[in-house]
Protein backbone atom coordinates (compact mmCIF):
# COMPACT_ATOMS: atom_id res chain seq x y z
CA MET A 1 80.16 90.74 52.98
CA ILE A 2 80.68 87.14 54.10
CA SER A 3 83.10 86.47 51.25
CA PHE A 4 85.06 89.61 52.18
CA LEU A 5 85.32 88.49 55.81
CA THR A 6 86.38 84.99 54.76
CA SER A 7 89.05 86.15 52.31
CA ASN A 8 90.48 88.64 54.80
CA ALA A 9 90.01 86.59 57.97
CA TYR A 10 93.74 86.60 58.81
CA TRP A 11 94.02 90.39 58.79
CA ILE A 12 90.71 90.91 60.58
CA ILE A 13 91.73 88.52 63.37
CA TRP A 14 95.10 90.23 63.59
CA LEU A 15 93.53 93.71 63.90
CA VAL A 16 90.96 92.50 66.45
CA LYS A 17 93.72 90.93 68.56
CA ILE A 18 95.74 94.16 68.49
CA ALA A 19 92.69 96.25 69.48
CA LEU A 20 91.78 93.81 72.26
CA LEU A 21 95.34 93.70 73.61
CA LEU A 22 95.56 97.51 73.59
CA PHE A 23 92.24 97.77 75.45
CA ILE A 24 93.30 95.21 78.06
CA VAL A 25 96.78 96.69 78.58
CA LEU A 26 95.53 100.28 78.87
CA THR A 27 92.76 99.21 81.28
CA VAL A 28 95.23 97.22 83.38
CA ASN A 29 97.58 100.23 83.39
CA ALA A 30 94.77 102.44 84.70
CA TYR A 31 93.99 100.03 87.52
CA LEU A 32 97.66 99.47 88.32
CA THR A 33 97.71 103.08 89.50
CA TRP A 34 94.75 102.29 91.77
CA PHE A 35 96.42 99.07 92.92
CA GLU A 36 99.70 100.84 93.70
CA ARG A 37 98.02 103.63 95.62
CA LYS A 38 95.90 101.21 97.66
CA VAL A 39 98.75 98.80 98.48
CA VAL A 40 101.19 101.57 99.50
CA ALA A 41 98.41 103.26 101.49
CA HIS A 42 97.71 100.10 103.49
CA MET A 43 101.44 99.63 104.08
CA GLN A 44 101.49 103.14 105.56
CA SER A 45 98.20 102.75 107.48
CA ARG A 46 96.22 105.00 105.13
CA TRP A 47 93.03 104.44 103.14
CA GLY A 48 94.20 105.35 99.66
CA PRO A 49 91.52 106.15 97.03
CA HIS A 50 88.05 105.52 98.47
CA ARG A 51 85.84 108.44 97.43
CA VAL A 52 85.33 107.97 93.67
CA GLY A 53 83.24 104.83 93.38
CA PRO A 54 83.18 101.92 95.85
CA HIS A 55 86.67 101.47 97.32
CA GLY A 56 87.87 104.13 94.86
CA LEU A 57 87.42 101.81 91.87
CA LEU A 58 86.44 104.70 89.58
CA GLN A 59 89.52 106.75 90.50
CA PRO A 60 91.42 105.67 87.32
CA LEU A 61 88.48 106.94 85.23
CA ALA A 62 88.59 110.29 87.04
CA ASP A 63 92.36 110.50 86.57
CA GLY A 64 92.02 109.74 82.86
CA ALA A 65 89.38 112.46 82.43
CA LYS A 66 91.63 114.90 84.30
CA PHE A 67 94.58 114.16 81.99
CA LEU A 68 92.42 114.65 78.89
CA LEU A 69 90.81 117.91 80.04
CA LYS A 70 93.78 119.50 81.82
CA GLU A 71 95.51 122.53 80.30
CA ASP A 72 98.38 121.45 78.05
CA PRO A 73 100.95 124.29 77.88
CA THR A 74 104.06 124.08 75.69
CA PRO A 75 107.03 125.94 77.24
CA ALA A 76 108.80 128.56 75.18
CA GLY A 77 112.13 127.53 73.66
CA VAL A 78 111.43 123.80 73.33
CA ASP A 79 112.31 121.84 70.22
CA LYS A 80 108.67 121.25 69.29
CA PHE A 81 109.10 118.24 67.00
CA THR A 82 111.26 116.33 69.50
CA TYR A 83 109.21 117.58 72.45
CA PHE A 84 106.03 116.03 71.01
CA LEU A 85 107.82 112.97 69.63
CA ALA A 86 109.35 111.86 72.96
CA PRO A 87 106.15 110.79 74.83
CA LEU A 88 104.74 109.17 71.69
CA MET A 89 107.97 107.24 71.18
CA ALA A 90 108.08 106.08 74.82
CA LEU A 91 104.48 104.87 74.71
CA ALA A 92 104.71 103.23 71.27
CA LEU A 93 107.84 101.24 72.17
CA ALA A 94 106.38 100.12 75.50
CA LEU A 95 103.16 98.88 73.87
CA THR A 96 105.04 97.21 71.01
CA SER A 97 107.02 95.07 73.43
CA ILE A 98 103.78 93.55 74.81
CA ALA A 99 102.91 92.29 71.32
CA ILE A 100 105.72 89.71 71.46
CA ILE A 101 104.54 88.11 74.73
CA PRO A 102 102.62 84.78 74.37
CA PHE A 103 99.79 84.51 76.92
CA GLY A 104 98.86 80.86 76.65
CA PRO A 105 99.92 77.49 75.19
CA GLU A 106 96.73 76.47 73.38
CA PRO A 107 95.20 78.46 70.50
CA LEU A 108 91.49 79.14 70.08
CA HIS A 109 89.64 77.51 67.16
CA ILE A 110 86.74 79.71 66.02
CA PHE A 111 84.92 79.40 62.68
CA GLY A 112 87.72 77.31 61.25
CA GLN A 113 90.37 79.88 62.23
CA THR A 114 93.26 79.20 64.63
CA ILE A 115 93.78 82.16 66.98
CA THR A 116 96.92 82.15 69.13
CA LEU A 117 96.98 83.96 72.48
CA GLY A 118 99.47 86.61 71.40
CA ILE A 119 100.16 88.96 68.53
CA ALA A 120 103.61 87.96 67.19
CA ASP A 121 105.27 84.58 67.71
CA LEU A 122 108.88 85.31 66.71
CA ASN A 123 111.73 82.80 66.58
CA ILE A 124 113.97 85.58 67.91
CA GLY A 125 111.38 86.80 70.43
CA ILE A 126 113.76 87.64 73.27
CA LEU A 127 116.18 89.45 70.94
CA ALA A 128 113.32 91.50 69.48
CA LEU A 129 112.13 92.40 72.99
CA PHE A 130 115.58 93.55 74.07
CA ALA A 131 115.96 95.57 70.86
CA ILE A 132 112.65 97.35 71.49
CA THR A 133 113.27 98.00 75.18
CA ALA A 134 116.78 99.28 74.46
CA LEU A 135 115.25 101.96 72.21
CA SER A 136 112.91 103.13 74.98
CA VAL A 137 115.68 105.25 76.53
CA TYR A 138 115.41 107.59 73.54
CA GLY A 139 111.95 108.71 74.66
CA VAL A 140 113.30 109.75 78.06
CA ALA A 141 116.54 111.23 76.73
CA LEU A 142 114.79 113.23 74.00
CA ALA A 143 112.19 114.48 76.47
CA GLY A 144 114.94 115.81 78.73
CA TRP A 145 116.91 117.41 75.89
CA SER A 146 113.98 118.95 74.01
CA SER A 147 112.47 120.62 77.10
CA ASN A 148 115.21 123.32 77.12
CA SER A 149 115.45 123.15 80.91
CA LYS A 150 118.28 122.01 83.15
CA TYR A 151 116.32 119.65 85.40
CA PRO A 152 114.76 117.59 82.58
CA LEU A 153 118.16 117.53 80.84
CA LEU A 154 119.81 116.09 83.96
CA GLY A 155 117.03 113.49 84.23
CA GLY A 156 117.48 112.49 80.58
CA LEU A 157 121.25 112.18 81.01
CA ARG A 158 120.80 110.09 84.14
CA SER A 159 118.44 107.77 82.30
CA SER A 160 120.93 107.33 79.45
CA ALA A 161 123.78 106.51 81.83
CA GLN A 162 121.51 104.19 83.82
CA MET A 163 120.46 102.37 80.65
CA ILE A 164 124.06 101.82 79.55
CA SER A 165 125.02 100.57 83.01
CA TYR A 166 122.23 98.02 83.36
CA GLU A 167 121.58 96.98 79.75
CA LEU A 168 124.70 94.78 79.66
CA ALA A 169 123.83 93.03 82.93
CA LEU A 170 120.21 92.60 81.79
CA THR A 171 121.26 90.95 78.54
CA MET A 172 123.95 88.73 80.06
CA SER A 173 121.65 87.54 82.85
CA VAL A 174 119.35 85.68 80.42
CA VAL A 175 122.11 84.02 78.37
CA GLY A 176 122.13 81.08 80.79
CA VAL A 177 118.41 80.52 80.17
CA LEU A 178 118.95 80.71 76.41
CA LEU A 179 121.77 78.17 76.62
CA MET A 180 119.53 75.77 78.57
CA ALA A 181 116.55 76.21 76.20
CA GLY A 182 118.60 76.28 73.00
CA SER A 183 116.22 78.84 71.50
CA PHE A 184 115.35 82.54 71.47
CA ASN A 185 111.63 81.80 71.10
CA LEU A 186 109.62 82.55 74.25
CA ARG A 187 107.32 79.54 73.76
CA ASP A 188 110.35 77.25 73.40
CA ILE A 189 111.82 78.65 76.61
CA ILE A 190 108.61 77.75 78.47
CA GLY A 191 108.54 74.37 76.73
CA ALA A 192 112.07 73.62 77.94
CA GLN A 193 110.83 74.06 81.53
CA SER A 194 107.98 71.56 80.99
CA GLN A 195 110.18 68.54 80.25
CA HIS A 196 109.62 67.15 83.75
CA PRO A 197 105.95 67.87 84.58
CA GLU A 198 106.13 65.59 87.61
CA ARG A 199 108.51 68.07 89.28
CA GLY A 200 106.19 71.08 89.16
CA LEU A 201 107.98 74.28 90.14
CA LEU A 202 111.22 72.33 90.76
CA GLY A 203 111.56 72.00 86.98
CA TRP A 204 111.61 75.77 86.38
CA ASN A 205 114.69 77.75 85.33
CA LEU A 206 114.64 79.64 88.62
CA TRP A 207 116.67 77.03 90.50
CA PRO A 208 119.63 76.47 88.17
CA GLN A 209 119.53 80.16 87.17
CA ILE A 210 118.96 81.81 90.55
CA LEU A 211 121.93 84.18 90.01
CA GLY A 212 120.65 85.03 86.54
CA PHE A 213 117.18 85.78 87.90
CA ILE A 214 118.48 88.10 90.63
CA CYS A 215 120.65 89.98 88.13
CA PHE A 216 117.81 90.15 85.60
CA PHE A 217 115.18 91.44 88.01
CA VAL A 218 117.43 94.07 89.59
CA ALA A 219 118.62 95.29 86.17
CA ALA A 220 115.05 95.30 84.85
CA VAL A 221 113.86 97.44 87.79
CA ALA A 222 116.66 99.88 86.97
CA GLU A 223 115.68 99.82 83.28
CA THR A 224 112.10 100.77 84.13
CA ASN A 225 113.24 103.65 86.38
CA ARG A 226 111.38 102.33 89.41
CA VAL A 227 112.27 102.57 93.11
CA PRO A 228 115.03 102.25 94.28
CA PHE A 229 116.47 103.20 90.86
CA ASP A 230 114.17 106.12 89.98
CA LEU A 231 117.04 108.61 89.62
CA PRO A 232 115.83 110.09 86.27
CA GLU A 233 112.72 111.47 88.00
CA ALA A 234 113.99 112.03 91.55
CA GLU A 235 111.57 114.64 92.90
CA SER A 236 113.83 115.71 95.76
CA GLU A 237 116.66 116.56 93.34
CA LEU A 238 115.17 117.21 89.88
CA VAL A 239 111.62 118.49 90.61
CA ALA A 240 110.18 115.69 88.45
CA GLY A 241 113.12 114.86 86.22
CA PHE A 242 112.82 114.30 82.49
CA HIS A 243 109.06 115.00 82.36
CA THR A 244 109.09 118.23 84.41
CA GLU A 245 107.94 120.33 81.43
CA TYR A 246 105.20 117.89 80.37
CA ALA A 247 101.56 118.13 81.42
CA SER A 248 98.14 116.76 80.55
CA PHE A 249 98.03 113.76 78.22
CA LYS A 250 101.70 114.00 77.21
CA PHE A 251 102.63 113.34 80.84
CA ALA A 252 100.05 110.53 80.94
CA MET A 253 101.80 108.90 77.97
CA PHE A 254 105.06 108.68 79.96
CA PHE A 255 103.05 107.34 82.88
CA ILE A 256 101.41 104.63 80.74
CA ALA A 257 104.78 103.72 79.18
CA GLU A 258 106.32 103.18 82.64
CA TYR A 259 103.52 100.90 83.81
CA THR A 260 103.52 99.00 80.52
CA SER A 261 107.26 98.41 80.93
CA MET A 262 106.55 97.02 84.41
CA ILE A 263 104.08 94.56 82.87
CA THR A 264 106.63 93.56 80.19
CA VAL A 265 109.34 92.93 82.80
CA SER A 266 106.90 90.89 84.90
CA CYS A 267 106.00 88.83 81.81
CA LEU A 268 109.68 88.20 81.03
CA CYS A 269 110.50 87.19 84.61
CA THR A 270 107.59 84.76 84.55
CA ILE A 271 108.48 83.27 81.15
CA MET A 272 112.26 83.10 81.55
CA PHE A 273 112.54 81.88 85.14
CA PHE A 274 109.13 80.92 86.57
CA GLY A 275 107.74 78.49 84.03
CA GLY A 276 105.45 80.90 82.17
CA TRP A 277 101.98 79.34 82.02
CA LEU A 278 103.12 76.09 83.69
CA SER A 279 101.49 75.12 86.97
CA PRO A 280 103.74 75.10 90.06
CA PHE A 281 102.19 71.78 91.07
CA PRO A 282 103.12 68.32 89.71
CA ALA A 283 101.02 67.19 86.75
CA SER A 284 99.53 64.34 88.83
CA TRP A 285 97.81 66.90 91.11
CA THR A 286 94.80 67.30 88.81
CA PHE A 287 92.64 68.72 91.62
CA THR A 288 94.64 71.97 91.35
CA HIS A 289 92.90 72.58 88.01
CA TYR A 290 89.93 73.80 90.06
CA LEU A 291 91.94 76.55 91.75
CA PRO A 292 90.48 79.31 89.49
CA SER A 293 86.99 78.34 90.69
CA ALA A 294 88.22 77.94 94.27
CA ILE A 295 89.47 81.54 94.12
CA LEU A 296 86.61 83.14 92.15
CA ILE A 297 83.69 81.67 94.13
CA PRO A 298 84.80 82.69 97.69
CA LEU A 299 86.01 86.05 96.37
CA GLY A 300 82.68 86.64 94.64
CA LEU A 301 80.79 85.78 97.84
CA TRP A 302 83.00 88.21 99.81
CA VAL A 303 82.43 91.03 97.28
CA ILE A 304 78.64 90.46 97.48
CA TRP A 305 78.75 90.53 101.28
CA ASP A 306 80.97 93.64 101.27
CA GLY A 307 78.61 95.36 98.83
CA LEU A 308 75.51 94.65 100.90
CA ARG A 309 77.07 96.41 103.91
CA TYR A 310 78.76 99.22 101.93
CA GLU A 311 77.93 102.75 103.11
CA THR A 312 76.83 104.26 99.77
CA VAL A 313 73.88 103.31 97.55
CA PHE A 314 76.16 103.17 94.51
CA GLY A 315 78.42 100.65 96.27
CA LYS A 316 75.39 98.59 97.35
CA LEU A 317 74.38 98.31 93.69
CA VAL A 318 77.77 97.87 91.98
CA LEU A 319 79.69 95.55 94.30
CA PRO A 320 77.01 92.80 94.54
CA GLY A 321 76.81 92.88 90.72
CA ILE A 322 80.57 92.41 90.39
CA GLY A 323 80.49 89.64 93.00
CA THR A 324 77.65 87.87 91.18
CA VAL A 325 79.63 87.92 87.92
CA MET A 326 82.68 86.44 89.69
CA LEU A 327 80.51 83.79 91.31
CA ALA A 328 78.96 82.89 87.95
CA LEU A 329 82.38 82.65 86.27
CA GLY A 330 83.64 80.33 88.99
CA ALA A 331 80.58 78.11 88.65
CA ALA A 332 80.85 78.12 84.84
CA LEU A 333 84.43 76.83 85.01
CA ILE A 334 83.20 73.85 87.02
CA ALA A 335 80.27 73.29 84.66
CA PHE A 336 82.44 73.39 81.52
CA PRO A 337 85.61 71.31 82.05
CA ALA A 338 86.95 72.10 78.55
CA VAL A 339 86.90 75.84 79.31
CA ASN A 340 88.50 75.19 82.70
CA GLU A 341 91.35 73.30 81.05
CA PHE A 342 91.85 76.02 78.44
CA ILE A 343 92.22 78.82 80.99
CA GLN A 344 94.82 76.95 83.10
CA GLY A 345 97.75 78.41 81.15
CA PRO A 346 96.57 82.05 81.13
CA PHE A 347 95.52 81.72 84.79
CA TRP A 348 98.98 80.71 86.00
CA LEU A 349 100.77 83.17 83.71
CA LEU A 350 98.65 86.13 84.82
CA GLY A 351 98.85 85.04 88.46
CA LYS A 352 102.65 85.08 88.38
CA ILE A 353 102.68 88.43 86.58
CA LEU A 354 100.47 89.87 89.33
CA VAL A 355 102.93 88.68 91.97
CA PHE A 356 105.79 90.52 90.26
CA LEU A 357 103.69 93.67 89.92
CA PHE A 358 102.98 93.46 93.64
CA VAL A 359 106.72 93.21 94.31
CA TYR A 360 107.23 96.38 92.24
CA VAL A 361 104.69 98.20 94.42
CA TRP A 362 106.10 96.64 97.59
CA MET A 363 109.56 97.99 96.80
CA ARG A 364 108.17 101.47 96.23
CA GLY A 365 106.56 101.40 99.64
CA THR A 366 109.66 100.17 101.50
CA LEU A 367 113.01 100.90 99.82
CA PRO A 368 114.86 104.24 99.80
CA ARG A 369 116.33 105.66 96.61
CA PHE A 370 119.98 104.84 95.80
CA ARG A 371 122.53 107.59 95.45
CA TYR A 372 123.68 108.04 91.88
CA ASP A 373 127.23 106.79 92.55
CA GLN A 374 125.78 103.73 94.31
CA LEU A 375 123.55 103.02 91.33
CA MET A 376 126.43 103.16 88.83
CA SER A 377 128.81 101.15 91.01
CA PHE A 378 126.16 98.49 91.65
CA GLY A 379 125.57 98.02 87.92
CA TRP A 380 129.19 97.93 86.76
CA LYS A 381 131.00 96.41 89.75
CA LEU A 382 128.50 93.80 90.95
CA LEU A 383 125.67 92.94 88.53
CA LEU A 384 127.77 92.73 85.36
CA PRO A 385 130.54 90.49 86.81
CA VAL A 386 127.97 88.21 88.49
CA SER A 387 125.92 87.86 85.30
CA ILE A 388 129.05 87.03 83.27
CA ALA A 389 130.11 84.48 85.90
CA ASN A 390 126.63 82.92 85.66
CA VAL A 391 127.00 82.53 81.87
CA ILE A 392 130.43 80.90 82.23
CA LEU A 393 129.21 78.54 84.96
CA THR A 394 126.10 77.56 82.95
CA ALA A 395 128.14 76.92 79.80
CA PHE A 396 130.63 74.80 81.76
CA VAL A 397 127.87 72.67 83.34
CA LEU A 398 126.15 72.13 79.98
CA LEU A 399 129.43 71.10 78.34
CA TRP A 400 130.17 68.73 81.22
CA ARG A 401 126.72 67.13 80.93
CA GLY A 402 127.13 66.81 77.17
CA ALA A 403 130.44 65.00 77.64
CA GLN A 404 128.89 62.40 79.95
């Protein structure tokens, strides 16, 4: 048994990493729904989920059980192969894109094996990501066409037109970053932003590529069909758009694919423009390395205090337990400096990703939906010219610097 594990260690580690990443991404997706509902509810002076578990923390579990047990009808007249293929294709492509994201600079060394924090480290990482995300429109388009209904068909056509309009601007907006990094590899792009550690966040690509970032983020929001660009599923016009005829777990697959795409876009924004796992503080500010503990310990104490005064017995038992775990983790990071140093990269990367996910939710709670003609005009007449101008300006500046 030991010899089998040793001889196949590479494949075993690879499979374990894939299973772990899938578990984490699907769990995060479930709680993103809770997070979105709670944040929008507080923006609108409502409670949001609060019945199922303390503060509604078990609501994602209840929703998942509902999707699995709900009746799953198949409308008459659908193209069955394409109808069933569409949600699977949307979900598979969304999850595949996460596999290319690196989540930390330093690998783990366990039992003589080097384990990187990511699945695939590709030299053409950004090109592979764009190729995968460009295919995701097929899931939506095929769902609309195969449903044999006019409203899903209109939603699928809208998504196709939206993809064509914003894909060019999305791709052109990152060319400036690629020119500055001189590489398509995502780790190299982060490395190019770490050449001046004494500058902290002033050394990130955000500042010289502010136009590129704005174009990228707006186009990426349109690519993920989120507010204010959620025309393919506009309830007021298309009932529910491309997934009108889907129910039960097939609908949940579209739902998971959308939230996974949000995570992917947040990862790309962080890596391309916000320094990835780099700290926003200058390297000389070593005291900032204790920020994870400074966040976990007070938060754990607050969760314990909130649990002790919670109105239900279940909350009084669960919340203090969660708070104690957070408190112990914060203390352990102080007690083990090597572990604290290792988690610095993932901490900053995940923190920045969370900020972008909050912005996604924030926009849903505040912005109205664009009209379809406004959406198309904005993509072709504003974003594309600005992104091309950003590429030309970046290339000119780099040539000028090279001539000095």
